[in-house]
Amino acid sequence: MPALQVITSVAQTLSPVLYAAFIVVIWFQLRAARESVREVRQEFLAGGRPVVAVHDEFDHATRALSLAVENVGQGPAKNISFVFSRPIESSDGVEISGLPVFTIGLTSLSPGARITCFWDDLDDQMAFLRTNGLDGEDFQVSVEYTDLPGARYWNSWDIQPAIYEGLRAPARPAQHAHDQAGEVTETTSGDTARATAPAAAAAEGT
């Protein structure tokens, strides 16, 4: 009997504790479920996460350098702002990073949308950077923006004009583009022709 009384007493003492622990576990599970539902709802409202990229572009034909701002994500971006590690200037004295698109920022940028700004002639820019002792330096730009529900994102991108120096352009750009586009088809057709010819010869011999 004393043992039974001890067990009963212990059970009565632990019962409220176990009940409280059970309630705490249920509360955390409900909280996690609500958070998951909230994230799914935000993704649905935003149409996916935006990713705003800033990168340089080079045109072989004109030797032109440009800066491009592009939303490569799945959702629209809003309240876009830019911070440069140091000013980006052209050889004729224009501060590209000081243009309104970068100082004021963008109110929005839809998925796949892009804005391109001419920067400089590559050769002129490299001469300008060497004169200022910056030819071995990269530019960095940080971008901050939000999605439609208001979640904030941040990315940092490197701008490297020096990587284009010395790149060779094809002597006949149109022919080069045609050859690249038709390379697989032409090879396949040639292989088919070579494979068919022996078969045809064997058939005639029989």
Protein backbone atom coordinates (compact mmCIF):
# COMPACT_ATOMS: atom_id res chain seq x y z
CA MET A 1 0.00 0.00 0.00
CA PRO A 2 2.69 2.58 0.79
CA ALA A 3 4.27 1.90 -2.62
CA LEU A 4 0.92 2.37 -4.35
CA GLN A 5 0.35 5.61 -2.50
CA VAL A 6 3.79 6.86 -3.53
CA ILE A 7 3.10 6.03 -7.18
CA THR A 8 -0.28 7.72 -7.03
CA SER A 9 1.22 10.78 -5.41
CA VAL A 10 3.99 10.99 -7.99
CA ALA A 11 1.49 10.58 -10.84
CA GLN A 12 -0.69 13.34 -9.42
CA THR A 13 2.36 15.59 -9.11
CA LEU A 14 3.66 14.92 -12.63
CA SER A 15 0.31 15.08 -14.36
CA PRO A 16 0.12 18.90 -14.52
CA VAL A 17 3.76 19.05 -15.67
CA LEU A 18 3.18 16.55 -18.48
CA TYR A 19 -0.01 18.33 -19.45
CA ALA A 20 1.84 21.66 -19.61
CA ALA A 21 4.63 20.10 -21.68
CA PHE A 22 2.04 18.67 -24.07
CA ILE A 23 0.47 22.12 -24.47
CA VAL A 24 3.89 23.67 -25.16
CA VAL A 25 4.64 21.08 -27.86
CA ILE A 26 1.26 21.67 -29.53
CA TRP A 27 1.83 25.44 -29.40
CA PHE A 28 5.21 25.17 -31.14
CA GLN A 29 3.73 22.90 -33.79
CA LEU A 30 0.91 25.35 -34.48
CA ARG A 31 3.41 28.22 -34.63
CA ALA A 32 5.57 26.36 -37.16
CA ALA A 33 2.49 25.57 -39.24
CA ARG A 34 1.41 29.22 -39.24
CA GLU A 35 4.91 30.30 -40.28
CA SER A 36 4.90 27.79 -43.13
CA VAL A 37 1.50 29.02 -44.30
CA ARG A 38 2.73 32.63 -44.12
CA GLU A 39 5.80 31.83 -46.25
CA VAL A 40 3.73 30.02 -48.85
CA ARG A 41 1.30 32.94 -48.97
CA GLN A 42 4.16 35.41 -49.43
CA GLU A 43 5.64 33.32 -52.24
CA PHE A 44 2.21 33.18 -53.89
CA LEU A 45 1.68 36.94 -53.61
CA ALA A 46 5.20 37.72 -54.82
CA GLY A 47 5.04 35.28 -57.72
CA GLY A 48 8.50 34.00 -56.74
CA ARG A 49 11.67 35.59 -55.40
CA PRO A 50 13.24 38.49 -57.29
CA VAL A 51 17.00 38.58 -57.96
CA VAL A 52 18.34 41.94 -59.14
CA ALA A 53 21.74 41.62 -60.85
CA VAL A 54 24.15 44.34 -61.96
CA HIS A 55 26.73 43.26 -64.52
CA ASP A 56 28.97 44.59 -67.27
CA GLU A 57 28.53 43.77 -70.95
CA PHE A 58 30.94 43.98 -73.89
CA ASP A 59 30.12 44.29 -77.59
CA HIS A 60 32.83 42.90 -79.89
CA ALA A 61 31.62 44.85 -82.91
CA THR A 62 31.67 48.30 -81.31
CA ARG A 63 34.16 47.66 -78.45
CA ALA A 64 31.51 49.19 -76.17
CA LEU A 65 31.26 48.54 -72.43
CA SER A 66 27.84 48.83 -70.82
CA LEU A 67 26.30 48.38 -67.38
CA ALA A 68 23.09 46.38 -67.13
CA VAL A 69 20.57 46.10 -64.30
CA GLU A 70 18.41 43.01 -64.68
CA ASN A 71 15.85 41.11 -62.65
CA VAL A 72 16.80 37.49 -63.27
CA GLY A 73 14.43 36.16 -60.59
CA GLN A 74 10.85 34.88 -60.77
CA GLY A 75 9.08 37.73 -58.97
CA PRO A 76 8.97 41.52 -59.29
CA ALA A 77 11.43 43.62 -57.29
CA LYS A 78 10.56 46.94 -55.61
CA ASN A 79 12.40 49.79 -53.89
CA ILE A 80 15.74 48.98 -55.53
CA SER A 81 18.81 50.91 -54.31
CA PHE A 82 22.51 50.70 -55.25
CA VAL A 83 25.77 51.33 -53.38
CA PHE A 84 29.11 51.31 -55.26
CA SER A 85 32.46 50.53 -53.63
CA ARG A 86 33.96 53.38 -55.66
CA PRO A 87 32.70 55.59 -58.49
CA ILE A 88 32.44 54.11 -61.97
CA GLU A 89 33.54 56.76 -64.49
CA SER A 90 33.91 56.92 -68.24
CA SER A 91 37.10 58.16 -69.88
CA ASP A 92 35.35 61.40 -70.91
CA GLY A 93 34.50 62.31 -67.30
CA VAL A 94 30.93 61.04 -66.89
CA GLU A 95 30.29 59.36 -63.53
CA ILE A 96 28.14 56.40 -64.54
CA SER A 97 27.48 55.37 -60.93
CA GLY A 98 26.19 58.92 -60.32
CA LEU A 99 23.38 58.68 -62.87
CA PRO A 100 19.81 58.91 -61.49
CA VAL A 101 19.12 55.23 -62.16
CA PHE A 102 21.76 54.42 -59.51
CA THR A 103 21.50 57.39 -57.12
CA ILE A 104 17.70 57.61 -57.00
CA GLY A 105 17.17 53.89 -57.58
CA LEU A 106 14.27 52.06 -59.16
CA THR A 107 10.73 51.83 -57.82
CA SER A 108 10.21 48.44 -59.46
CA LEU A 109 11.62 45.94 -61.94
CA SER A 110 9.52 43.10 -63.31
CA PRO A 111 10.92 39.59 -63.93
CA GLY A 112 13.09 39.54 -67.05
CA ALA A 113 13.18 43.35 -67.29
CA ARG A 114 16.55 45.04 -67.82
CA ILE A 115 17.99 48.52 -68.10
CA THR A 116 21.24 49.02 -70.02
CA CYS A 117 23.51 52.07 -69.84
CA PHE A 118 26.50 52.72 -72.12
CA TRP A 119 29.66 53.03 -70.04
CA ASP A 120 32.72 53.54 -72.28
CA ASP A 121 34.85 52.25 -75.12
CA LEU A 122 36.85 49.33 -73.70
CA ASP A 123 40.25 50.59 -74.87
CA ASP A 124 39.55 54.11 -73.62
CA GLN A 125 38.34 52.78 -70.28
CA MET A 126 41.40 50.58 -69.76
CA ALA A 127 43.71 53.51 -70.58
CA PHE A 128 41.74 55.64 -68.10
CA LEU A 129 42.04 52.98 -65.39
CA ARG A 130 45.79 52.58 -65.97
CA THR A 131 46.31 56.34 -65.73
CA ASN A 132 44.58 56.30 -62.36
CA GLY A 133 46.29 53.10 -61.17
CA LEU A 134 43.02 51.16 -61.12
CA ASP A 135 43.48 48.68 -63.98
CA GLY A 136 43.89 45.76 -61.56
CA GLU A 137 40.91 46.72 -59.41
CA ASP A 138 37.31 45.54 -59.67
CA PHE A 139 34.21 47.58 -58.96
CA GLN A 140 31.66 46.23 -56.49
CA VAL A 141 28.02 47.20 -56.29
CA SER A 142 25.57 46.21 -53.57
CA VAL A 143 21.88 46.05 -54.40
CA GLU A 144 19.01 46.11 -51.90
CA TYR A 145 15.37 45.54 -52.82
CA THR A 146 12.09 44.02 -51.64
CA ASP A 147 9.53 41.66 -53.07
CA LEU A 148 5.81 42.48 -53.21
CA PRO A 149 5.00 41.37 -49.62
CA GLY A 150 7.90 43.51 -48.36
CA ALA A 151 10.63 40.93 -47.59
CA ARG A 152 14.09 42.50 -48.06
CA TYR A 153 16.95 41.04 -50.13
CA TRP A 154 20.59 42.00 -50.63
CA ASN A 155 23.16 41.02 -53.28
CA SER A 156 26.71 42.10 -54.10
CA TRP A 157 28.12 41.98 -57.64
CA ASP A 158 31.60 42.48 -59.15
CA ILE A 159 32.17 44.63 -62.24
CA GLN A 160 35.33 43.55 -64.09
CA PRO A 161 36.04 45.49 -67.31
CA ALA A 162 39.62 44.18 -67.55
CA ILE A 163 38.46 40.63 -68.33
CA TYR A 164 37.40 41.73 -71.83
CA GLU A 165 40.80 43.08 -72.80
CA GLY A 166 42.49 40.91 -75.41
CA LEU A 167 39.37 38.94 -76.32
CA ARG A 168 39.40 38.16 -80.02
CA ALA A 169 36.41 38.82 -82.24
CA PRO A 170 35.66 36.50 -85.20
CA ALA A 171 36.88 37.82 -88.58
CA ARG A 172 33.48 37.07 -90.15
CA PRO A 173 30.88 37.43 -87.35
CA ALA A 174 27.89 36.46 -89.49
CA GLN A 175 29.56 33.28 -90.79
CA HIS A 176 30.78 32.45 -87.27
CA ALA A 177 27.26 32.76 -85.88
CA HIS A 178 25.89 30.60 -88.71
CA ASP A 179 28.54 27.93 -88.17
CA GLN A 180 27.89 27.83 -84.43
CA ALA A 181 24.15 27.53 -84.94
CA GLY A 182 24.39 24.83 -87.62
CA GLU A 183 27.34 22.82 -86.32
CA VAL A 184 25.36 19.96 -84.75
CA THR A 185 22.90 19.67 -87.64
CA GLU A 186 25.61 19.63 -90.29
CA THR A 187 27.69 17.03 -88.41
CA THR A 188 24.65 14.82 -87.92
CA SER A 189 23.71 15.07 -91.58
CA GLY A 190 27.26 14.21 -92.64
CA ASP A 191 27.39 11.21 -90.33
CA THR A 192 24.05 10.01 -91.68
CA ALA A 193 25.25 10.33 -95.27
CA ARG A 194 28.47 8.46 -94.54
CA ALA A 195 26.57 5.73 -92.73
CA THR A 196 24.03 5.37 -95.56
CA ALA A 197 26.54 5.10 -98.39
CA PRO A 198 28.10 1.76 -97.33
CA ALA A 199 24.66 0.30 -96.71
CA ALA A 200 23.53 1.32 -100.19
CA ALA A 201 26.67 -0.18 -101.75
CA ALA A 202 26.11 -3.44 -99.90
CA ALA A 203 22.54 -3.55 -101.10
CA GLU A 204 23.62 -3.10 -104.74
CA GLY A 205 26.20 -5.86 -104.38
CA THR A 206 23.56 -8.32 -103.29
